[in-house]
């Protein structure tokens, strides 16, 4: 479950960082090292957000509703 979210997040962050790099590229060679660190930072941020969002919105949330359904089957009569 987490593995598929991680792989999908890697794909999303790779494509997004590639698009960002294509639109913000410059011809100066002096800024190559600074841009590489910037691209790595953007990749990590997008990866973190994408994995968290994919994991939260996956089918795992249905188990919470099932637990609530089991608890509601208890006897609800007042003690008096």
PDB file of N, CA and C in Angstrom:
ATOM      1  N   UNK A   1       0.825  -1.181   0.000  1.00  0.00           N
ATOM      2  CA  UNK A   1       0.000   0.000   0.000  1.00  0.00           C
ATOM      3  C   UNK A   1       0.876   1.254   0.000  1.00  0.00           C
ATOM      4  N   UNK A   2       1.833   1.322   0.932  1.00  0.00           N
ATOM      5  CA  UNK A   2       2.723   2.479   0.994  1.00  0.00           C
ATOM      6  C   UNK A   2       3.699   2.477  -0.179  1.00  0.00           C
ATOM      7  N   UNK A   3       4.079   1.276  -0.639  1.00  0.00           N
ATOM      8  CA  UNK A   3       5.013   1.168  -1.759  1.00  0.00           C
ATOM      9  C   UNK A   3       4.448   1.747  -3.042  1.00  0.00           C
ATOM     10  N   UNK A   4       3.168   1.502  -3.295  1.00  0.00           N
ATOM     11  CA  UNK A   4       2.571   2.059  -4.511  1.00  0.00           C
ATOM     12  C   UNK A   4       2.445   3.571  -4.412  1.00  0.00           C
ATOM     13  N   UNK A   5       2.158   4.086  -3.215  1.00  0.00           N
ATOM     14  CA  UNK A   5       2.105   5.538  -3.026  1.00  0.00           C
ATOM     15  C   UNK A   5       3.483   6.156  -3.234  1.00  0.00           C
ATOM     16  N   UNK A   6       4.515   5.455  -2.769  1.00  0.00           N
ATOM     17  CA  UNK A   6       5.873   5.959  -2.922  1.00  0.00           C
ATOM     18  C   UNK A   6       6.305   5.976  -4.385  1.00  0.00           C
ATOM     19  N   UNK A   7       5.999   4.924  -5.117  1.00  0.00           N
ATOM     20  CA  UNK A   7       6.368   4.888  -6.538  1.00  0.00           C
ATOM     21  C   UNK A   7       5.610   5.937  -7.342  1.00  0.00           C
ATOM     22  N   UNK A   8       4.342   6.099  -7.062  1.00  0.00           N
ATOM     23  CA  UNK A   8       3.559   7.115  -7.760  1.00  0.00           C
ATOM     24  C   UNK A   8       4.075   8.511  -7.410  1.00  0.00           C
ATOM     25  N   UNK A   9       4.417   8.724  -6.141  1.00  0.00           N
ATOM     26  CA  UNK A   9       4.967  10.005  -5.720  1.00  0.00           C
ATOM     27  C   UNK A   9       6.298  10.306  -6.385  1.00  0.00           C
ATOM     28  N   UNK A  10       7.134   9.274  -6.563  1.00  0.00           N
ATOM     29  CA  UNK A  10       8.399   9.457  -7.270  1.00  0.00           C
ATOM     30  C   UNK A  10       8.161   9.897  -8.717  1.00  0.00           C
ATOM     31  N   UNK A  11       7.188   9.288  -9.350  1.00  0.00           N
ATOM     32  CA  UNK A  11       6.865   9.663 -10.726  1.00  0.00           C
ATOM     33  C   UNK A  11       6.339  11.083 -10.824  1.00  0.00           C
ATOM     34  N   UNK A  12       5.443  11.438  -9.923  1.00  0.00           N
ATOM     35  CA  UNK A  12       4.873  12.786  -9.930  1.00  0.00           C
ATOM     36  C   UNK A  12       5.955  13.831  -9.680  1.00  0.00           C
ATOM     37  N   UNK A  13       6.808  13.578  -8.697  1.00  0.00           N
ATOM     38  CA  UNK A  13       7.837  14.564  -8.373  1.00  0.00           C
ATOM     39  C   UNK A  13       8.899  14.655  -9.467  1.00  0.00           C
ATOM     40  N   UNK A  14       9.213  13.535 -10.110  1.00  0.00           N
ATOM     41  CA  UNK A  14      10.178  13.566 -11.210  1.00  0.00           C
ATOM     42  C   UNK A  14       9.672  14.364 -12.390  1.00  0.00           C
ATOM     43  N   UNK A  15       8.433  14.131 -12.763  1.00  0.00           N
ATOM     44  CA  UNK A  15       7.846  14.860 -13.891  1.00  0.00           C
ATOM     45  C   UNK A  15       7.704  16.342 -13.557  1.00  0.00           C
ATOM     46  N   UNK A  16       7.251  16.644 -12.353  1.00  0.00           N
ATOM     47  CA  UNK A  16       7.069  18.044 -11.959  1.00  0.00           C
ATOM     48  C   UNK A  16       8.391  18.792 -11.908  1.00  0.00           C
ATOM     49  N   UNK A  17       9.416  18.150 -11.368  1.00  0.00           N
ATOM     50  CA  UNK A  17      10.724  18.794 -11.313  1.00  0.00           C
ATOM     51  C   UNK A  17      11.308  18.970 -12.712  1.00  0.00           C
ATOM     52  N   UNK A  18      11.091  18.007 -13.587  1.00  0.00           N
ATOM     53  CA  UNK A  18      11.557  18.135 -14.965  1.00  0.00           C
ATOM     54  C   UNK A  18      10.890  19.288 -15.692  1.00  0.00           C
ATOM     55  N   UNK A  19       9.594  19.448 -15.493  1.00  0.00           N
ATOM     56  CA  UNK A  19       8.874  20.564 -16.115  1.00  0.00           C
ATOM     57  C   UNK A  19       9.369  21.890 -15.547  1.00  0.00           C
ATOM     58  N   UNK A  20       9.577  21.936 -14.229  1.00  0.00           N
ATOM     59  CA  UNK A  20      10.098  23.151 -13.604  1.00  0.00           C
ATOM     60  C   UNK A  20      11.489  23.491 -14.142  1.00  0.00           C
ATOM     61  N   UNK A  21      12.338  22.480 -14.287  1.00  0.00           N
ATOM     62  CA  UNK A  21      13.694  22.703 -14.794  1.00  0.00           C
ATOM     63  C   UNK A  21      13.665  23.191 -16.241  1.00  0.00           C
ATOM     64  N   UNK A  22      12.730  22.678 -17.029  1.00  0.00           N
ATOM     65  CA  UNK A  22      12.646  23.091 -18.428  1.00  0.00           C
ATOM     66  C   UNK A  22      12.221  24.552 -18.561  1.00  0.00           C
ATOM     67  N   UNK A  23      11.336  25.009 -17.691  1.00  0.00           N
ATOM     68  CA  UNK A  23      10.860  26.379 -17.785  1.00  0.00           C
ATOM     69  C   UNK A  23      11.791  27.383 -17.131  1.00  0.00           C
ATOM     70  N   UNK A  24      12.651  26.946 -16.216  1.00  0.00           N
ATOM     71  CA  UNK A  24      13.506  27.890 -15.504  1.00  0.00           C
ATOM     72  C   UNK A  24      14.982  27.732 -15.849  1.00  0.00           C
ATOM     73  N   UNK A  25      15.315  27.011 -16.892  1.00  0.00           N
ATOM     74  CA  UNK A  25      16.723  26.793 -17.228  1.00  0.00           C
ATOM     75  C   UNK A  25      17.364  28.075 -17.753  1.00  0.00           C
ATOM     76  N   UNK A  26      18.653  28.212 -17.429  1.00  0.00           N
ATOM     77  CA  UNK A  26      19.440  29.356 -17.889  1.00  0.00           C
ATOM     78  C   UNK A  26      20.698  28.833 -18.568  1.00  0.00           C
ATOM     79  N   UNK A  27      21.326  29.640 -19.375  1.00  0.00           N
ATOM     80  CA  UNK A  27      22.514  29.222 -20.110  1.00  0.00           C
ATOM     81  C   UNK A  27      23.812  29.458 -19.338  1.00  0.00           C
ATOM     82  N   UNK A  28      23.754  30.057 -18.177  1.00  0.00           N
ATOM     83  CA  UNK A  28      24.956  30.335 -17.407  1.00  0.00           C
ATOM     84  C   UNK A  28      25.456  29.068 -16.728  1.00  0.00           C
ATOM     85  N   UNK A  29      26.744  28.790 -16.868  1.00  0.00           N
ATOM     86  CA  UNK A  29      27.316  27.595 -16.257  1.00  0.00           C
ATOM     87  C   UNK A  29      27.682  27.810 -14.796  1.00  0.00           C
ATOM     88  N   UNK A  30      27.814  29.052 -14.352  1.00  0.00           N
ATOM     89  CA  UNK A  30      28.201  29.329 -12.972  1.00  0.00           C
ATOM     90  C   UNK A  30      27.110  28.947 -11.975  1.00  0.00           C
ATOM     91  N   UNK A  31      25.876  28.993 -12.383  1.00  0.00           N
ATOM     92  CA  UNK A  31      24.768  28.701 -11.477  1.00  0.00           C
ATOM     93  C   UNK A  31      24.353  27.235 -11.508  1.00  0.00           C
ATOM     94  N   UNK A  32      25.104  26.391 -12.192  1.00  0.00           N
ATOM     95  CA  UNK A  32      24.726  24.980 -12.332  1.00  0.00           C
ATOM     96  C   UNK A  32      24.601  24.282 -10.985  1.00  0.00           C
ATOM     97  N   UNK A  33      25.557  24.533 -10.101  1.00  0.00           N
ATOM     98  CA  UNK A  33      25.538  23.865  -8.804  1.00  0.00           C
ATOM     99  C   UNK A  33      24.379  24.364  -7.944  1.00  0.00           C
ATOM    100  N   UNK A  34      24.121  25.666  -7.970  1.00  0.00           N
ATOM    101  CA  UNK A  34      23.014  26.221  -7.197  1.00  0.00           C
ATOM    102  C   UNK A  34      21.672  25.710  -7.719  1.00  0.00           C
ATOM    103  N   UNK A  35      21.538  25.624  -9.012  1.00  0.00           N
ATOM    104  CA  UNK A  35      20.281  25.142  -9.596  1.00  0.00           C
ATOM    105  C   UNK A  35      20.059  23.665  -9.277  1.00  0.00           C
ATOM    106  N   UNK A  36      21.145  22.893  -9.215  1.00  0.00           N
ATOM    107  CA  UNK A  36      21.025  21.471  -8.902  1.00  0.00           C
ATOM    108  C   UNK A  36      20.475  21.287  -7.490  1.00  0.00           C
ATOM    109  N   UNK A  37      20.951  22.087  -6.553  1.00  0.00           N
ATOM    110  CA  UNK A  37      20.433  22.014  -5.190  1.00  0.00           C
ATOM    111  C   UNK A  37      18.986  22.479  -5.123  1.00  0.00           C
ATOM    112  N   UNK A  38      18.648  23.472  -5.914  1.00  0.00           N
ATOM    113  CA  UNK A  38      17.270  23.956  -5.954  1.00  0.00           C
ATOM    114  C   UNK A  38      16.339  22.874  -6.509  1.00  0.00           C
ATOM    115  N   UNK A  39      16.752  22.210  -7.572  1.00  0.00           N
ATOM    116  CA  UNK A  39      15.940  21.149  -8.154  1.00  0.00           C
ATOM    117  C   UNK A  39      15.783  19.979  -7.177  1.00  0.00           C
ATOM    118  N   UNK A  40      16.829  19.650  -6.454  1.00  0.00           N
ATOM    119  CA  UNK A  40      16.750  18.572  -5.469  1.00  0.00           C
ATOM    120  C   UNK A  40      15.790  18.927  -4.341  1.00  0.00           C
ATOM    121  N   UNK A  41      15.821  20.164  -3.893  1.00  0.00           N
ATOM    122  CA  UNK A  41      14.917  20.612  -2.840  1.00  0.00           C
ATOM    123  C   UNK A  41      13.460  20.568  -3.314  1.00  0.00           C
ATOM    124  N   UNK A  42      13.205  21.030  -4.517  1.00  0.00           N
ATOM    125  CA  UNK A  42      11.853  21.004  -5.074  1.00  0.00           C
ATOM    126  C   UNK A  42      11.381  19.568  -5.253  1.00  0.00           C
ATOM    127  N   UNK A  43      12.261  18.687  -5.729  1.00  0.00           N
ATOM    128  CA  UNK A  43      11.923  17.277  -5.892  1.00  0.00           C
ATOM    129  C   UNK A  43      11.505  16.660  -4.558  1.00  0.00           C
ATOM    130  N   UNK A  44      12.264  16.928  -3.500  1.00  0.00           N
ATOM    131  CA  UNK A  44      11.961  16.348  -2.186  1.00  0.00           C
ATOM    132  C   UNK A  44      10.652  16.873  -1.611  1.00  0.00           C
ATOM    133  N   UNK A  45      10.398  18.162  -1.781  1.00  0.00           N
ATOM    134  CA  UNK A  45       9.150  18.738  -1.268  1.00  0.00           C
ATOM    135  C   UNK A  45       7.949  18.139  -1.988  1.00  0.00           C
ATOM    136  N   UNK A  46       8.012  18.069  -3.308  1.00  0.00           N
ATOM    137  CA  UNK A  46       6.903  17.510  -4.078  1.00  0.00           C
ATOM    138  C   UNK A  46       6.727  16.031  -3.746  1.00  0.00           C
ATOM    139  N   UNK A  47       7.829  15.299  -3.589  1.00  0.00           N
ATOM    140  CA  UNK A  47       7.757  13.884  -3.234  1.00  0.00           C
ATOM    141  C   UNK A  47       7.066  13.695  -1.890  1.00  0.00           C
ATOM    142  N   UNK A  48       7.453  14.460  -0.888  1.00  0.00           N
ATOM    143  CA  UNK A  48       6.862  14.338   0.444  1.00  0.00           C
ATOM    144  C   UNK A  48       5.367  14.623   0.408  1.00  0.00           C
ATOM    145  N   UNK A  49       4.978  15.712  -0.217  1.00  0.00           N
ATOM    146  CA  UNK A  49       3.561  16.087  -0.267  1.00  0.00           C
ATOM    147  C   UNK A  49       2.753  15.067  -1.071  1.00  0.00           C
ATOM    148  N   UNK A  50       3.289  14.610  -2.190  1.00  0.00           N
ATOM    149  CA  UNK A  50       2.563  13.663  -3.030  1.00  0.00           C
ATOM    150  C   UNK A  50       2.373  12.321  -2.322  1.00  0.00           C
ATOM    151  N   UNK A  51       3.405  11.822  -1.645  1.00  0.00           N
ATOM    152  CA  UNK A  51       3.293  10.533  -0.954  1.00  0.00           C
ATOM    153  C   UNK A  51       2.292  10.629   0.188  1.00  0.00           C
ATOM    154  N   UNK A  52       2.347  11.706   0.956  1.00  0.00           N
ATOM    155  CA  UNK A  52       1.395  11.868   2.069  1.00  0.00           C
ATOM    156  C   UNK A  52      -0.031  11.952   1.540  1.00  0.00           C
ATOM    157  N   UNK A  53      -0.255  12.740   0.503  1.00  0.00           N
ATOM    158  CA  UNK A  53      -1.611  12.876  -0.045  1.00  0.00           C
ATOM    159  C   UNK A  53      -2.112  11.571  -0.656  1.00  0.00           C
ATOM    160  N   UNK A  54      -1.249  10.848  -1.358  1.00  0.00           N
ATOM    161  CA  UNK A  54      -1.662   9.579  -1.952  1.00  0.00           C
ATOM    162  C   UNK A  54      -1.946   8.527  -0.880  1.00  0.00           C
ATOM    163  N   UNK A  55      -1.154   8.524   0.181  1.00  0.00           N
ATOM    164  CA  UNK A  55      -1.364   7.553   1.245  1.00  0.00           C
ATOM    165  C   UNK A  55      -2.643   7.844   2.023  1.00  0.00           C
ATOM    166  N   UNK A  56      -2.924   9.122   2.265  1.00  0.00           N
ATOM    167  CA  UNK A  56      -4.141   9.486   2.996  1.00  0.00           C
ATOM    168  C   UNK A  56      -5.380   9.175   2.177  1.00  0.00           C
ATOM    169  N   UNK A  57      -5.336   9.440   0.873  1.00  0.00           N
ATOM    170  CA  UNK A  57      -6.521   9.249   0.038  1.00  0.00           C
ATOM    171  C   UNK A  57      -6.645   7.833  -0.513  1.00  0.00           C
ATOM    172  N   UNK A  58      -5.753   6.942  -0.125  1.00  0.00           N
ATOM    173  CA  UNK A  58      -5.880   5.562  -0.593  1.00  0.00           C
ATOM    174  C   UNK A  58      -7.041   4.880   0.132  1.00  0.00           C
ATOM    175  N   UNK A  59      -7.356   3.659  -0.198  1.00  0.00           N
ATOM    176  CA  UNK A  59      -8.489   2.932   0.355  1.00  0.00           C
ATOM    177  C   UNK A  59      -8.353   2.567   1.817  1.00  0.00           C
ATOM    178  N   UNK A  60      -7.314   2.989   2.479  1.00  0.00           N
ATOM    179  CA  UNK A  60      -7.074   2.642   3.872  1.00  0.00           C
ATOM    180  C   UNK A  60      -8.103   3.275   4.803  1.00  0.00           C
ATOM    181  N   UNK A  61      -8.713   4.382   4.437  1.00  0.00           N
ATOM    182  CA  UNK A  61      -9.636   5.082   5.320  1.00  0.00           C
ATOM    183  C   UNK A  61     -10.927   4.309   5.542  1.00  0.00           C
ATOM    184  N   UNK A  62     -11.225   3.306   4.727  1.00  0.00           N
ATOM    185  CA  UNK A  62     -12.442   2.523   4.909  1.00  0.00           C
ATOM    186  C   UNK A  62     -12.397   1.690   6.178  1.00  0.00           C
ATOM    187  N   UNK A  63     -11.212   1.316   6.625  1.00  0.00           N
ATOM    188  CA  UNK A  63     -11.105   0.513   7.832  1.00  0.00           C
ATOM    189  C   UNK A  63     -11.562   1.295   9.061  1.00  0.00           C
ATOM    190  N   UNK A  64     -11.430   2.605   9.050  1.00  0.00           N
ATOM    191  CA  UNK A  64     -11.897   3.423  10.164  1.00  0.00           C
ATOM    192  C   UNK A  64     -13.414   3.369  10.242  1.00  0.00           C
ATOM    193  N   UNK A  65     -14.084   3.418   9.102  1.00  0.00           N
ATOM    194  CA  UNK A  65     -15.539   3.355   9.087  1.00  0.00           C
ATOM    195  C   UNK A  65     -16.019   1.983   9.555  1.00  0.00           C
ATOM    196  N   UNK A  66     -15.303   0.912   9.247  1.00  0.00           N
ATOM    197  CA  UNK A  66     -15.693  -0.407   9.705  1.00  0.00           C
ATOM    198  C   UNK A  66     -15.578  -0.533  11.216  1.00  0.00           C
ATOM    199  N   UNK A  67     -14.546   0.049  11.791  1.00  0.00           N
ATOM    200  CA  UNK A  67     -14.401   0.010  13.239  1.00  0.00           C
ATOM    201  C   UNK A  67     -15.542   0.750  13.911  1.00  0.00           C
ATOM    202  N   UNK A  68     -15.963   1.872  13.338  1.00  0.00           N
ATOM    203  CA  UNK A  68     -17.089   2.621  13.894  1.00  0.00           C
ATOM    204  C   UNK A  68     -18.378   1.824  13.783  1.00  0.00           C
ATOM    205  N   UNK A  69     -18.543   1.054  12.719  1.00  0.00           N
ATOM    206  CA  UNK A  69     -19.736   0.240  12.549  1.00  0.00           C
ATOM    207  C   UNK A  69     -19.804  -0.886  13.567  1.00  0.00           C
ATOM    208  N   UNK A  70     -18.683  -1.445  13.931  1.00  0.00           N
ATOM    209  CA  UNK A  70     -18.648  -2.504  14.934  1.00  0.00           C
ATOM    210  C   UNK A  70     -18.993  -1.941  16.305  1.00  0.00           C
ATOM    211  N   UNK A  71     -18.520  -0.765  16.610  1.00  0.00           N
ATOM    212  CA  UNK A  71     -18.787  -0.163  17.907  1.00  0.00           C
ATOM    213  C   UNK A  71     -20.247   0.239  18.046  1.00  0.00           C
ATOM    214  N   UNK A  72     -20.908   0.596  16.963  1.00  0.00           N
ATOM    215  CA  UNK A  72     -22.295   1.021  17.041  1.00  0.00           C
ATOM    216  C   UNK A  72     -23.240  -0.163  17.252  1.00  0.00           C
ATOM    217  N   UNK A  73     -22.769  -1.401  17.117  1.00  0.00           N
ATOM    218  CA  UNK A  73     -23.647  -2.546  17.325  1.00  0.00           C
ATOM    219  C   UNK A  73     -23.766  -2.920  18.798  1.00  0.00           C
ATOM    220  N   UNK A  74     -23.116  -2.185  19.693  1.00  0.00           N
ATOM    221  CA  UNK A  74     -23.235  -2.445  21.127  1.00  0.00           C
ATOM    222  C   UNK A  74     -24.632  -2.082  21.613  1.00  0.00           C
ATOM    223  N   UNK A  75     -24.979  -2.574  22.798  1.00  0.00           N
ATOM    224  CA  UNK A  75     -26.258  -2.272  23.403  1.00  0.00           C
ATOM    225  C   UNK A  75     -26.254  -0.812  23.854  1.00  0.00           C
ATOM    226  N   UNK A  76     -27.208  -0.032  23.392  1.00  0.00           N
ATOM    227  CA  UNK A  76     -27.254   1.394  23.698  1.00  0.00           C
ATOM    228  C   UNK A  76     -28.356   1.751  24.684  1.00  0.00           C
ATOM    229  N   UNK A  77     -28.815   0.809  25.521  1.00  0.00           N
ATOM    230  CA  UNK A  77     -29.852   1.105  26.493  1.00  0.00           C
ATOM    231  C   UNK A  77     -29.250   1.872  27.665  1.00  0.00           C
ATOM    232  N   UNK A  78     -29.983   2.840  28.176  1.00  0.00           N
ATOM    233  CA  UNK A  78     -29.482   3.563  29.341  1.00  0.00           C
ATOM    234  C   UNK A  78     -29.449   2.657  30.585  1.00  0.00           C
ATOM    235  N   UNK A  79     -28.626   2.943  31.569  1.00  0.00           N
ATOM    236  CA  UNK A  79     -28.499   2.067  32.722  1.00  0.00           C
ATOM    237  C   UNK A  79     -29.646   2.131  33.715  1.00  0.00           C
ATOM    238  N   UNK A  80     -30.641   2.974  33.528  1.00  0.00           N
ATOM    239  CA  UNK A  80     -31.752   3.065  34.476  1.00  0.00           C
ATOM    240  C   UNK A  80     -33.031   2.503  33.953  1.00  0.00           C
TER     241      UNK A  80
END
